[in-house]
mmCIF file of all heavy atoms, coordinates in Angstrom:
data_MODEL
# 
_entry.id   MODEL 
# 
loop_
_atom_site.group_PDB 
_atom_site.id 
_atom_site.type_symbol 
_atom_site.label_atom_id 
_atom_site.label_alt_id 
_atom_site.label_comp_id 
_atom_site.label_asym_id 
_atom_site.label_entity_id 
_atom_site.label_seq_id 
_atom_site.pdbx_PDB_ins_code 
_atom_site.Cartn_x 
_atom_site.Cartn_y 
_atom_site.Cartn_z 
_atom_site.occupancy 
_atom_site.B_iso_or_equiv 
_atom_site.pdbx_formal_charge 
_atom_site.auth_seq_id 
_atom_site.auth_comp_id 
_atom_site.auth_asym_id 
_atom_site.auth_atom_id 
_atom_site.pdbx_PDB_model_num 
ATOM 1   N N   . GLY A 1 1  ? 33.759 -47.824 21.178 1.00 0.00 ? 1  GLY A N   1 
ATOM 2   C CA  . GLY A 1 1  ? 34.500 -48.641 20.223 1.00 0.00 ? 1  GLY A CA  1 
ATOM 3   C C   . GLY A 1 1  ? 33.724 -49.052 18.991 1.00 0.00 ? 1  GLY A C   1 
ATOM 4   O O   . GLY A 1 1  ? 34.298 -49.575 18.044 1.00 0.00 ? 1  GLY A O   1 
ATOM 5   N N   . ALA A 1 2  ? 32.411 -48.801 18.976 1.00 0.00 ? 2  ALA A N   1 
ATOM 6   C CA  . ALA A 1 2  ? 31.599 -49.164 17.813 1.00 0.00 ? 2  ALA A CA  1 
ATOM 7   C C   . ALA A 1 2  ? 31.860 -48.203 16.661 1.00 0.00 ? 2  ALA A C   1 
ATOM 8   O O   . ALA A 1 2  ? 32.271 -47.062 16.851 1.00 0.00 ? 2  ALA A O   1 
ATOM 9   C CB  . ALA A 1 2  ? 30.117 -49.134 18.170 1.00 0.00 ? 2  ALA A CB  1 
ATOM 10  N N   . VAL A 1 3  ? 31.597 -48.673 15.459 1.00 0.00 ? 3  VAL A N   1 
ATOM 11  C CA  . VAL A 1 3  ? 31.647 -47.820 14.273 1.00 0.00 ? 3  VAL A CA  1 
ATOM 12  C C   . VAL A 1 3  ? 30.291 -47.135 14.149 1.00 0.00 ? 3  VAL A C   1 
ATOM 13  O O   . VAL A 1 3  ? 29.245 -47.791 14.239 1.00 0.00 ? 3  VAL A O   1 
ATOM 14  C CB  . VAL A 1 3  ? 31.939 -48.653 13.005 1.00 0.00 ? 3  VAL A CB  1 
ATOM 15  C CG1 . VAL A 1 3  ? 31.817 -47.804 11.750 1.00 0.00 ? 3  VAL A CG1 1 
ATOM 16  C CG2 . VAL A 1 3  ? 33.327 -49.285 13.099 1.00 0.00 ? 3  VAL A CG2 1 
ATOM 17  N N   . VAL A 1 4  ? 30.304 -45.821 13.963 1.00 0.00 ? 4  VAL A N   1 
ATOM 18  C CA  . VAL A 1 4  ? 29.069 -45.094 13.686 1.00 0.00 ? 4  VAL A CA  1 
ATOM 19  C C   . VAL A 1 4  ? 29.030 -44.794 12.193 1.00 0.00 ? 4  VAL A C   1 
ATOM 20  O O   . VAL A 1 4  ? 29.996 -44.294 11.632 1.00 0.00 ? 4  VAL A O   1 
ATOM 21  C CB  . VAL A 1 4  ? 28.926 -43.801 14.530 1.00 0.00 ? 4  VAL A CB  1 
ATOM 22  C CG1 . VAL A 1 4  ? 30.094 -42.852 14.328 1.00 0.00 ? 4  VAL A CG1 1 
ATOM 23  C CG2 . VAL A 1 4  ? 27.604 -43.097 14.231 1.00 0.00 ? 4  VAL A CG2 1 
ATOM 24  N N   . ALA A 1 5  ? 27.936 -45.192 11.548 1.00 0.00 ? 5  ALA A N   1 
ATOM 25  C CA  . ALA A 1 5  ? 27.744 -44.954 10.120 1.00 0.00 ? 5  ALA A CA  1 
ATOM 26  C C   . ALA A 1 5  ? 26.857 -43.722 9.962  1.00 0.00 ? 5  ALA A C   1 
ATOM 27  O O   . ALA A 1 5  ? 25.834 -43.595 10.639 1.00 0.00 ? 5  ALA A O   1 
ATOM 28  C CB  . ALA A 1 5  ? 27.093 -46.172 9.476  1.00 0.00 ? 5  ALA A CB  1 
ATOM 29  N N   . LEU A 1 6  ? 27.259 -42.835 9.059  1.00 0.00 ? 6  LEU A N   1 
ATOM 30  C CA  . LEU A 1 6  ? 26.559 -41.563 8.886  1.00 0.00 ? 6  LEU A CA  1 
ATOM 31  C C   . LEU A 1 6  ? 26.165 -41.335 7.433  1.00 0.00 ? 6  LEU A C   1 
ATOM 32  O O   . LEU A 1 6  ? 26.865 -41.762 6.513  1.00 0.00 ? 6  LEU A O   1 
ATOM 33  C CB  . LEU A 1 6  ? 27.459 -40.414 9.344  1.00 0.00 ? 6  LEU A CB  1 
ATOM 34  C CG  . LEU A 1 6  ? 27.913 -40.487 10.798 1.00 0.00 ? 6  LEU A CG  1 
ATOM 35  C CD1 . LEU A 1 6  ? 29.159 -39.663 11.013 1.00 0.00 ? 6  LEU A CD1 1 
ATOM 36  C CD2 . LEU A 1 6  ? 26.803 -40.033 11.710 1.00 0.00 ? 6  LEU A CD2 1 
ATOM 37  N N   . ARG A 1 7  ? 25.090 -40.601 7.277  1.00 0.00 ? 7  ARG A N   1 
ATOM 38  C CA  . ARG A 1 7  ? 24.618 -40.153 5.950  1.00 0.00 ? 7  ARG A CA  1 
ATOM 39  C C   . ARG A 1 7  ? 24.820 -38.644 5.907  1.00 0.00 ? 7  ARG A C   1 
ATOM 40  O O   . ARG A 1 7  ? 23.952 -37.893 6.331  1.00 0.00 ? 7  ARG A O   1 
ATOM 41  C CB  . ARG A 1 7  ? 23.161 -40.515 5.771  1.00 0.00 ? 7  ARG A CB  1 
ATOM 42  C CG  . ARG A 1 7  ? 22.919 -42.003 5.767  1.00 0.00 ? 7  ARG A CG  1 
ATOM 43  C CD  . ARG A 1 7  ? 21.438 -42.324 5.613  1.00 0.00 ? 7  ARG A CD  1 
ATOM 44  N NE  . ARG A 1 7  ? 21.271 -43.755 5.485  1.00 0.00 ? 7  ARG A NE  1 
ATOM 45  C CZ  . ARG A 1 7  ? 20.486 -44.477 6.278  1.00 0.00 ? 7  ARG A CZ  1 
ATOM 46  N NH1 . ARG A 1 7  ? 19.797 -43.906 7.245  1.00 0.00 ? 7  ARG A NH1 1 
ATOM 47  N NH2 . ARG A 1 7  ? 20.399 -45.779 6.089  1.00 0.00 ? 7  ARG A NH2 1 
ATOM 48  N N   . THR A 1 8  ? 25.961 -38.216 5.368  1.00 0.00 ? 8  THR A N   1 
ATOM 49  C CA  . THR A 1 8  ? 26.309 -36.789 5.439  1.00 0.00 ? 8  THR A CA  1 
ATOM 50  C C   . THR A 1 8  ? 26.107 -36.014 4.148  1.00 0.00 ? 8  THR A C   1 
ATOM 51  O O   . THR A 1 8  ? 26.089 -34.791 4.168  1.00 0.00 ? 8  THR A O   1 
ATOM 52  C CB  . THR A 1 8  ? 27.781 -36.610 5.861  1.00 0.00 ? 8  THR A CB  1 
ATOM 53  O OG1 . THR A 1 8  ? 28.629 -37.158 4.854  1.00 0.00 ? 8  THR A OG1 1 
ATOM 54  C CG2 . THR A 1 8  ? 28.053 -37.272 7.199  1.00 0.00 ? 8  THR A CG2 1 
ATOM 55  N N   . SER A 1 9  ? 25.961 -36.688 3.021  1.00 0.00 ? 9  SER A N   1 
ATOM 56  C CA  . SER A 1 9  ? 25.843 -35.988 1.746  1.00 0.00 ? 9  SER A CA  1 
ATOM 57  C C   . SER A 1 9  ? 24.476 -35.327 1.619  1.00 0.00 ? 9  SER A C   1 
ATOM 58  O O   . SER A 1 9  ? 23.452 -36.006 1.718  1.00 0.00 ? 9  SER A O   1 
ATOM 59  C CB  . SER A 1 9  ? 26.051 -36.953 0.578  1.00 0.00 ? 9  SER A CB  1 
ATOM 60  O OG  . SER A 1 9  ? 25.782 -36.298 -0.645 1.00 0.00 ? 9  SER A OG  1 
ATOM 61  N N   . PRO A 1 10 ? 24.440 -34.022 1.373  1.00 0.00 ? 10 PRO A N   1 
ATOM 62  C CA  . PRO A 1 10 ? 23.135 -33.359 1.233  1.00 0.00 ? 10 PRO A CA  1 
ATOM 63  C C   . PRO A 1 10 ? 22.354 -33.849 0.015  1.00 0.00 ? 10 PRO A C   1 
ATOM 64  O O   . PRO A 1 10 ? 21.133 -33.808 0.003  1.00 0.00 ? 10 PRO A O   1 
ATOM 65  C CB  . PRO A 1 10 ? 23.473 -31.883 1.083  1.00 0.00 ? 10 PRO A CB  1 
ATOM 66  C CG  . PRO A 1 10 ? 24.937 -31.765 1.038  1.00 0.00 ? 10 PRO A CG  1 
ATOM 67  C CD  . PRO A 1 10 ? 25.546 -33.108 1.275  1.00 0.00 ? 10 PRO A CD  1 
ATOM 68  N N   . ARG A 1 11 ? 23.052 -34.351 -0.986 1.00 0.00 ? 11 ARG A N   1 
ATOM 69  C CA  . ARG A 1 11 ? 22.381 -34.838 -2.198 1.00 0.00 ? 11 ARG A CA  1 
ATOM 70  C C   . ARG A 1 11 ? 22.018 -36.310 -2.126 1.00 0.00 ? 11 ARG A C   1 
ATOM 71  O O   . ARG A 1 11 ? 21.221 -36.797 -2.917 1.00 0.00 ? 11 ARG A O   1 
ATOM 72  C CB  . ARG A 1 11 ? 23.265 -34.593 -3.417 1.00 0.00 ? 11 ARG A CB  1 
ATOM 73  C CG  . ARG A 1 11 ? 23.419 -33.120 -3.721 1.00 0.00 ? 11 ARG A CG  1 
ATOM 74  C CD  . ARG A 1 11 ? 24.316 -32.930 -4.888 1.00 0.00 ? 11 ARG A CD  1 
ATOM 75  N NE  . ARG A 1 11 ? 25.629 -33.471 -4.523 1.00 0.00 ? 11 ARG A NE  1 
ATOM 76  C CZ  . ARG A 1 11 ? 26.713 -33.328 -5.241 1.00 0.00 ? 11 ARG A CZ  1 
ATOM 77  N NH1 . ARG A 1 11 ? 26.672 -32.700 -6.372 1.00 0.00 ? 11 ARG A NH1 1 
ATOM 78  N NH2 . ARG A 1 11 ? 27.861 -33.821 -4.836 1.00 0.00 ? 11 ARG A NH2 1 
ATOM 79  N N   . HIS A 1 12 ? 22.609 -37.053 -1.194 1.00 0.00 ? 12 HIS A N   1 
ATOM 80  C CA  . HIS A 1 12 ? 22.400 -38.511 -1.132 1.00 0.00 ? 12 HIS A CA  1 
ATOM 81  C C   . HIS A 1 12 ? 22.139 -38.946 0.307  1.00 0.00 ? 12 HIS A C   1 
ATOM 82  O O   . HIS A 1 12 ? 22.870 -39.735 0.864  1.00 0.00 ? 12 HIS A O   1 
ATOM 83  C CB  . HIS A 1 12 ? 23.625 -39.242 -1.684 1.00 0.00 ? 12 HIS A CB  1 
ATOM 84  C CG  . HIS A 1 12 ? 23.998 -38.835 -3.069 1.00 0.00 ? 12 HIS A CG  1 
ATOM 85  N ND1 . HIS A 1 12 ? 23.277 -39.202 -4.171 1.00 0.00 ? 12 HIS A ND1 1 
ATOM 86  C CD2 . HIS A 1 12 ? 25.017 -38.070 -3.527 1.00 0.00 ? 12 HIS A CD2 1 
ATOM 87  C CE1 . HIS A 1 12 ? 23.828 -38.692 -5.248 1.00 0.00 ? 12 HIS A CE1 1 
ATOM 88  N NE2 . HIS A 1 12 ? 24.886 -37.998 -4.883 1.00 0.00 ? 12 HIS A NE2 1 
ATOM 89  N N   . ARG A 1 13 ? 21.090 -38.455 0.913  1.00 0.00 ? 13 ARG A N   1 
ATOM 90  C CA  . ARG A 1 13 ? 20.770 -38.764 2.306  1.00 0.00 ? 13 ARG A CA  1 
ATOM 91  C C   . ARG A 1 13 ? 20.296 -40.201 2.510  1.00 0.00 ? 13 ARG A C   1 
ATOM 92  O O   . ARG A 1 13 ? 20.079 -40.617 3.641  1.00 0.00 ? 13 ARG A O   1 
ATOM 93  C CB  . ARG A 1 13 ? 19.698 -37.817 2.826  1.00 0.00 ? 13 ARG A CB  1 
ATOM 94  C CG  . ARG A 1 13 ? 20.144 -36.405 2.927  1.00 0.00 ? 13 ARG A CG  1 
ATOM 95  C CD  . ARG A 1 13 ? 20.621 -36.111 4.314  1.00 0.00 ? 13 ARG A CD  1 
ATOM 96  N NE  . ARG A 1 13 ? 20.867 -34.677 4.380  1.00 0.00 ? 13 ARG A NE  1 
ATOM 97  C CZ  . ARG A 1 13 ? 21.888 -34.156 4.987  1.00 0.00 ? 13 ARG A CZ  1 
ATOM 98  N NH1 . ARG A 1 13 ? 22.735 -34.936 5.601  1.00 0.00 ? 13 ARG A NH1 1 
ATOM 99  N NH2 . ARG A 1 13 ? 22.078 -32.861 5.010  1.00 0.00 ? 13 ARG A NH2 1 
ATOM 100 N N   . ASP A 1 14 ? 20.144 -40.944 1.439  1.00 0.00 ? 14 ASP A N   1 
ATOM 101 C CA  . ASP A 1 14 ? 19.613 -42.298 1.574  1.00 0.00 ? 14 ASP A CA  1 
ATOM 102 C C   . ASP A 1 14 ? 20.698 -43.350 1.752  1.00 0.00 ? 14 ASP A C   1 
ATOM 103 O O   . ASP A 1 14 ? 20.397 -44.527 1.825  1.00 0.00 ? 14 ASP A O   1 
ATOM 104 C CB  . ASP A 1 14 ? 18.738 -42.641 0.367  1.00 0.00 ? 14 ASP A CB  1 
ATOM 105 C CG  . ASP A 1 14 ? 19.488 -42.512 -0.949 1.00 0.00 ? 14 ASP A CG  1 
ATOM 106 O OD1 . ASP A 1 14 ? 20.419 -41.691 -1.033 1.00 0.00 ? 14 ASP A OD1 1 
ATOM 107 O OD2 . ASP A 1 14 ? 19.139 -43.232 -1.897 1.00 0.00 ? 14 ASP A OD2 1 
ATOM 108 N N   . PHE A 1 15 ? 21.977 -42.967 1.830  1.00 0.00 ? 15 PHE A N   1 
ATOM 109 C CA  . PHE A 1 15 ? 23.012 -43.972 2.021  1.00 0.00 ? 15 PHE A CA  1 
ATOM 110 C C   . PHE A 1 15 ? 24.194 -43.478 2.848  1.00 0.00 ? 15 PHE A C   1 
ATOM 111 O O   . PHE A 1 15 ? 24.439 -42.287 2.962  1.00 0.00 ? 15 PHE A O   1 
ATOM 112 C CB  . PHE A 1 15 ? 23.487 -44.554 0.689  1.00 0.00 ? 15 PHE A CB  1 
ATOM 113 C CG  . PHE A 1 15 ? 24.120 -43.558 -0.245 1.00 0.00 ? 15 PHE A CG  1 
ATOM 114 C CD1 . PHE A 1 15 ? 25.450 -43.197 -0.111 1.00 0.00 ? 15 PHE A CD1 1 
ATOM 115 C CD2 . PHE A 1 15 ? 23.379 -43.002 -1.258 1.00 0.00 ? 15 PHE A CD2 1 
ATOM 116 C CE1 . PHE A 1 15 ? 26.030 -42.299 -0.978 1.00 0.00 ? 15 PHE A CE1 1 
ATOM 117 C CE2 . PHE A 1 15 ? 23.951 -42.102 -2.136 1.00 0.00 ? 15 PHE A CE2 1 
ATOM 118 C CZ  . PHE A 1 15 ? 25.283 -41.747 -1.991 1.00 0.00 ? 15 PHE A CZ  1 
ATOM 119 N N   . VAL A 1 16 ? 24.894 -44.442 3.431  1.00 0.00 ? 16 VAL A N   1 
ATOM 120 C CA  . VAL A 1 16 ? 26.049 -44.179 4.288  1.00 0.00 ? 16 VAL A CA  1 
ATOM 121 C C   . VAL A 1 16 ? 27.224 -43.718 3.432  1.00 0.00 ? 16 VAL A C   1 
ATOM 122 O O   . VAL A 1 16 ? 27.576 -44.368 2.456  1.00 0.00 ? 16 VAL A O   1 
ATOM 123 C CB  . VAL A 1 16 ? 26.432 -45.451 5.069  1.00 0.00 ? 16 VAL A CB  1 
ATOM 124 C CG1 . VAL A 1 16 ? 27.745 -45.260 5.820  1.00 0.00 ? 16 VAL A CG1 1 
ATOM 125 C CG2 . VAL A 1 16 ? 25.310 -45.850 6.008  1.00 0.00 ? 16 VAL A CG2 1 
ATOM 126 N N   . ASP A 1 17 ? 27.838 -42.590 3.823  1.00 0.00 ? 17 ASP A N   1 
ATOM 127 C CA  . ASP A 1 17 ? 29.013 -42.111 3.098  1.00 0.00 ? 17 ASP A CA  1 
ATOM 128 C C   . ASP A 1 17 ? 30.133 -41.653 4.031  1.00 0.00 ? 17 ASP A C   1 
ATOM 129 O O   . ASP A 1 17 ? 31.152 -41.129 3.582  1.00 0.00 ? 17 ASP A O   1 
ATOM 130 C CB  . ASP A 1 17 ? 28.636 -40.976 2.143  1.00 0.00 ? 17 ASP A CB  1 
ATOM 131 C CG  . ASP A 1 17 ? 28.137 -39.739 2.870  1.00 0.00 ? 17 ASP A CG  1 
ATOM 132 O OD1 . ASP A 1 17 ? 27.777 -39.838 4.060  1.00 0.00 ? 17 ASP A OD1 1 
ATOM 133 O OD2 . ASP A 1 17 ? 28.103 -38.672 2.245  1.00 0.00 ? 17 ASP A OD2 1 
ATOM 134 N N   . HIS A 1 18 ? 29.958 -41.862 5.340  1.00 0.00 ? 18 HIS A N   1 
ATOM 135 C CA  . HIS A 1 18 ? 30.978 -41.431 6.290  1.00 0.00 ? 18 HIS A CA  1 
ATOM 136 C C   . HIS A 1 18 ? 30.896 -42.303 7.544  1.00 0.00 ? 18 HIS A C   1 
ATOM 137 O O   . HIS A 1 18 ? 29.820 -42.788 7.892  1.00 0.00 ? 18 HIS A O   1 
ATOM 138 C CB  . HIS A 1 18 ? 30.758 -39.960 6.655  1.00 0.00 ? 18 HIS A CB  1 
ATOM 139 C CG  . HIS A 1 18 ? 31.830 -39.368 7.501  1.00 0.00 ? 18 HIS A CG  1 
ATOM 140 N ND1 . HIS A 1 18 ? 33.162 -39.388 7.146  1.00 0.00 ? 18 HIS A ND1 1 
ATOM 141 C CD2 . HIS A 1 18 ? 31.779 -38.739 8.699  1.00 0.00 ? 18 HIS A CD2 1 
ATOM 142 C CE1 . HIS A 1 18 ? 33.875 -38.792 8.085  1.00 0.00 ? 18 HIS A CE1 1 
ATOM 143 N NE2 . HIS A 1 18 ? 33.058 -38.391 9.036  1.00 0.00 ? 18 HIS A NE2 1 
ATOM 144 N N   . VAL A 1 19 ? 32.048 -42.498 8.203  1.00 0.00 ? 19 VAL A N   1 
ATOM 145 C CA  . VAL A 1 19 ? 32.096 -43.321 9.409  1.00 0.00 ? 19 VAL A CA  1 
ATOM 146 C C   . VAL A 1 19 ? 33.025 -42.699 10.447 1.00 0.00 ? 19 VAL A C   1 
ATOM 147 O O   . VAL A 1 19 ? 33.885 -41.892 10.121 1.00 0.00 ? 19 VAL A O   1 
ATOM 148 C CB  . VAL A 1 19 ? 32.576 -44.759 9.097  1.00 0.00 ? 19 VAL A CB  1 
ATOM 149 C CG1 . VAL A 1 19 ? 31.534 -45.531 8.314  1.00 0.00 ? 19 VAL A CG1 1 
ATOM 150 C CG2 . VAL A 1 19 ? 33.902 -44.742 8.350  1.00 0.00 ? 19 VAL A CG2 1 
ATOM 151 N N   . GLY A 1 20 ? 32.825 -43.085 11.691 1.00 0.00 ? 20 GLY A N   1 
ATOM 152 C CA  . GLY A 1 20 ? 33.684 -42.674 12.796 1.00 0.00 ? 20 GLY A CA  1 
ATOM 153 C C   . GLY A 1 20 ? 33.678 -43.759 13.862 1.00 0.00 ? 20 GLY A C   1 
ATOM 154 O O   . GLY A 1 20 ? 33.075 -44.825 13.667 1.00 0.00 ? 20 GLY A O   1 
ATOM 155 N N   . VAL A 1 21 ? 34.313 -43.478 15.000 1.00 0.00 ? 21 VAL A N   1 
ATOM 156 C CA  . VAL A 1 21 ? 34.381 -44.437 16.107 1.00 0.00 ? 21 VAL A CA  1 
ATOM 157 C C   . VAL A 1 21 ? 33.777 -43.786 17.349 1.00 0.00 ? 21 VAL A C   1 
ATOM 158 O O   . VAL A 1 21 ? 34.147 -42.664 17.711 1.00 0.00 ? 21 VAL A O   1 
ATOM 159 C CB  . VAL A 1 21 ? 35.837 -44.867 16.392 1.00 0.00 ? 21 VAL A CB  1 
ATOM 160 C CG1 . VAL A 1 21 ? 35.901 -45.790 17.603 1.00 0.00 ? 21 VAL A CG1 1 
ATOM 161 C CG2 . VAL A 1 21 ? 36.439 -45.549 15.181 1.00 0.00 ? 21 VAL A CG2 1 
ATOM 162 N N   . VAL A 1 22 ? 32.867 -44.501 18.002 1.00 0.00 ? 22 VAL A N   1 
ATOM 163 C CA  . VAL A 1 22 ? 32.190 -44.009 19.208 1.00 0.00 ? 22 VAL A CA  1 
ATOM 164 C C   . VAL A 1 22 ? 33.151 -44.064 20.398 1.00 0.00 ? 22 VAL A C   1 
ATOM 165 O O   . VAL A 1 22 ? 33.827 -45.073 20.616 1.00 0.00 ? 22 VAL A O   1 
ATOM 166 C CB  . VAL A 1 22 ? 30.935 -44.859 19.501 1.00 0.00 ? 22 VAL A CB  1 
ATOM 167 C CG1 . VAL A 1 22 ? 30.275 -44.433 20.806 1.00 0.00 ? 22 VAL A CG1 1 
ATOM 168 C CG2 . VAL A 1 22 ? 29.961 -44.788 18.330 1.00 0.00 ? 22 VAL A CG2 1 
ATOM 169 N N   . PHE A 1 23 ? 33.200 -42.961 21.165 1.00 0.00 ? 23 PHE A N   1 
ATOM 170 C CA  . PHE A 1 23 ? 33.990 -42.915 22.405 1.00 0.00 ? 23 PHE A CA  1 
ATOM 171 C C   . PHE A 1 23 ? 33.137 -43.255 23.617 1.00 0.00 ? 23 PHE A C   1 
ATOM 172 O O   . PHE A 1 23 ? 33.566 -43.952 24.507 1.00 0.00 ? 23 PHE A O   1 
ATOM 173 C CB  . PHE A 1 23 ? 34.592 -41.531 22.629 1.00 0.00 ? 23 PHE A CB  1 
ATOM 174 C CG  . PHE A 1 23 ? 35.907 -41.333 21.949 1.00 0.00 ? 23 PHE A CG  1 
ATOM 175 C CD1 . PHE A 1 23 ? 36.109 -40.226 21.137 1.00 0.00 ? 23 PHE A CD1 1 
ATOM 176 C CD2 . PHE A 1 23 ? 36.946 -42.217 22.103 1.00 0.00 ? 23 PHE A CD2 1 
ATOM 177 C CE1 . PHE A 1 23 ? 37.319 -40.022 20.512 1.00 0.00 ? 23 PHE A CE1 1 
ATOM 178 C CE2 . PHE A 1 23 ? 38.160 -42.026 21.476 1.00 0.00 ? 23 PHE A CE2 1 
ATOM 179 C CZ  . PHE A 1 23 ? 38.339 -40.921 20.678 1.00 0.00 ? 23 PHE A CZ  1 
ATOM 180 N N   . ASP A 1 24 ? 31.956 -42.696 23.684 1.00 0.00 ? 24 ASP A N   1 
ATOM 181 C CA  . ASP A 1 24 ? 31.046 -42.960 24.799 1.00 0.00 ? 24 ASP A CA  1 
ATOM 182 C C   . ASP A 1 24 ? 29.626 -42.767 24.290 1.00 0.00 ? 24 ASP A C   1 
ATOM 183 O O   . ASP A 1 24 ? 29.408 -42.696 23.082 1.00 0.00 ? 24 ASP A O   1 
ATOM 184 C CB  . ASP A 1 24 ? 31.372 -42.076 26.015 1.00 0.00 ? 24 ASP A CB  1 
ATOM 185 C CG  . ASP A 1 24 ? 31.351 -40.587 25.715 1.00 0.00 ? 24 ASP A CG  1 
ATOM 186 O OD1 . ASP A 1 24 ? 30.537 -40.147 24.875 1.00 0.00 ? 24 ASP A OD1 1 
ATOM 187 O OD2 . ASP A 1 24 ? 32.147 -39.854 26.322 1.00 0.00 ? 24 ASP A OD2 1 
ATOM 188 N N   . SER A 1 25 ? 28.659 -42.655 25.161 1.00 0.00 ? 25 SER A N   1 
ATOM 189 C CA  . SER A 1 25 ? 27.266 -42.611 24.720 1.00 0.00 ? 25 SER A CA  1 
ATOM 190 C C   . SER A 1 25 ? 26.906 -41.362 23.927 1.00 0.00 ? 25 SER A C   1 
ATOM 191 O O   . SER A 1 25 ? 25.848 -41.321 23.303 1.00 0.00 ? 25 SER A O   1 
ATOM 192 C CB  . SER A 1 25 ? 26.333 -42.738 25.924 1.00 0.00 ? 25 SER A CB  1 
ATOM 193 O OG  . SER A 1 25 ? 26.521 -41.635 26.796 1.00 0.00 ? 25 SER A OG  1 
ATOM 194 N N   . CYS A 1 26 ? 27.777 -40.358 23.918 1.00 0.00 ? 26 CYS A N   1 
ATOM 195 C CA  . CYS A 1 26 ? 27.408 -39.130 23.204 1.00 0.00 ? 26 CYS A CA  1 
ATOM 196 C C   . CYS A 1 26 ? 28.519 -38.524 22.340 1.00 0.00 ? 26 CYS A C   1 
ATOM 197 O O   . CYS A 1 26 ? 28.304 -37.483 21.747 1.00 0.00 ? 26 CYS A O   1 
ATOM 198 C CB  . CYS A 1 26 ? 26.863 -38.089 24.175 1.00 0.00 ? 26 CYS A CB  1 
ATOM 199 S SG  . CYS A 1 26 ? 28.055 -37.532 25.388 1.00 0.00 ? 26 CYS A SG  1 
ATOM 200 N N   . ARG A 1 27 ? 29.682 -39.153 22.227 1.00 0.00 ? 27 ARG A N   1 
ATOM 201 C CA  . ARG A 1 27 ? 30.765 -38.573 21.427 1.00 0.00 ? 27 ARG A CA  1 
ATOM 202 C C   . ARG A 1 27 ? 31.393 -39.608 20.498 1.00 0.00 ? 27 ARG A C   1 
ATOM 203 O O   . ARG A 1 27 ? 31.451 -40.788 20.830 1.00 0.00 ? 27 ARG A O   1 
ATOM 204 C CB  . ARG A 1 27 ? 31.863 -38.009 22.329 1.00 0.00 ? 27 ARG A CB  1 
ATOM 205 C CG  . ARG A 1 27 ? 31.418 -36.840 23.160 1.00 0.00 ? 27 ARG A CG  1 
ATOM 206 C CD  . ARG A 1 27 ? 32.514 -36.361 24.058 1.00 0.00 ? 27 ARG A CD  1 
ATOM 207 N NE  . ARG A 1 27 ? 32.864 -37.452 24.967 1.00 0.00 ? 27 ARG A NE  1 
ATOM 208 C CZ  . ARG A 1 27 ? 34.000 -37.535 25.640 1.00 0.00 ? 27 ARG A CZ  1 
ATOM 209 N NH1 . ARG A 1 27 ? 34.904 -36.601 25.533 1.00 0.00 ? 27 ARG A NH1 1 
ATOM 210 N NH2 . ARG A 1 27 ? 34.245 -38.548 26.439 1.00 0.00 ? 27 ARG A NH2 1 
ATOM 211 N N   . PHE A 1 28 ? 31.886 -39.111 19.356 1.00 0.00 ? 28 PHE A N   1 
ATOM 212 C CA  . PHE A 1 28 ? 32.609 -39.973 18.430 1.00 0.00 ? 28 PHE A CA  1 
ATOM 213 C C   . PHE A 1 28 ? 33.746 -39.184 17.799 1.00 0.00 ? 28 PHE A C   1 
ATOM 214 O O   . PHE A 1 28 ? 33.735 -37.958 17.774 1.00 0.00 ? 28 PHE A O   1 
ATOM 215 C CB  . PHE A 1 28 ? 31.672 -40.546 17.359 1.00 0.00 ? 28 PHE A CB  1 
ATOM 216 C CG  . PHE A 1 28 ? 31.245 -39.579 16.289 1.00 0.00 ? 28 PHE A CG  1 
ATOM 217 C CD1 . PHE A 1 28 ? 31.748 -39.687 14.999 1.00 0.00 ? 28 PHE A CD1 1 
ATOM 218 C CD2 . PHE A 1 28 ? 30.338 -38.567 16.553 1.00 0.00 ? 28 PHE A CD2 1 
ATOM 219 C CE1 . PHE A 1 28 ? 31.353 -38.810 14.002 1.00 0.00 ? 28 PHE A CE1 1 
ATOM 220 C CE2 . PHE A 1 28 ? 29.935 -37.684 15.571 1.00 0.00 ? 28 PHE A CE2 1 
ATOM 221 C CZ  . PHE A 1 28 ? 30.445 -37.810 14.285 1.00 0.00 ? 28 PHE A CZ  1 
# 
């Protein structure tokens, strides 16, 4: 249920630009 914050931009790896929701310890 937690929000996972991701840094997905290849040009801007220093900041969060994408999010998802965690299902369990290894999937979102």
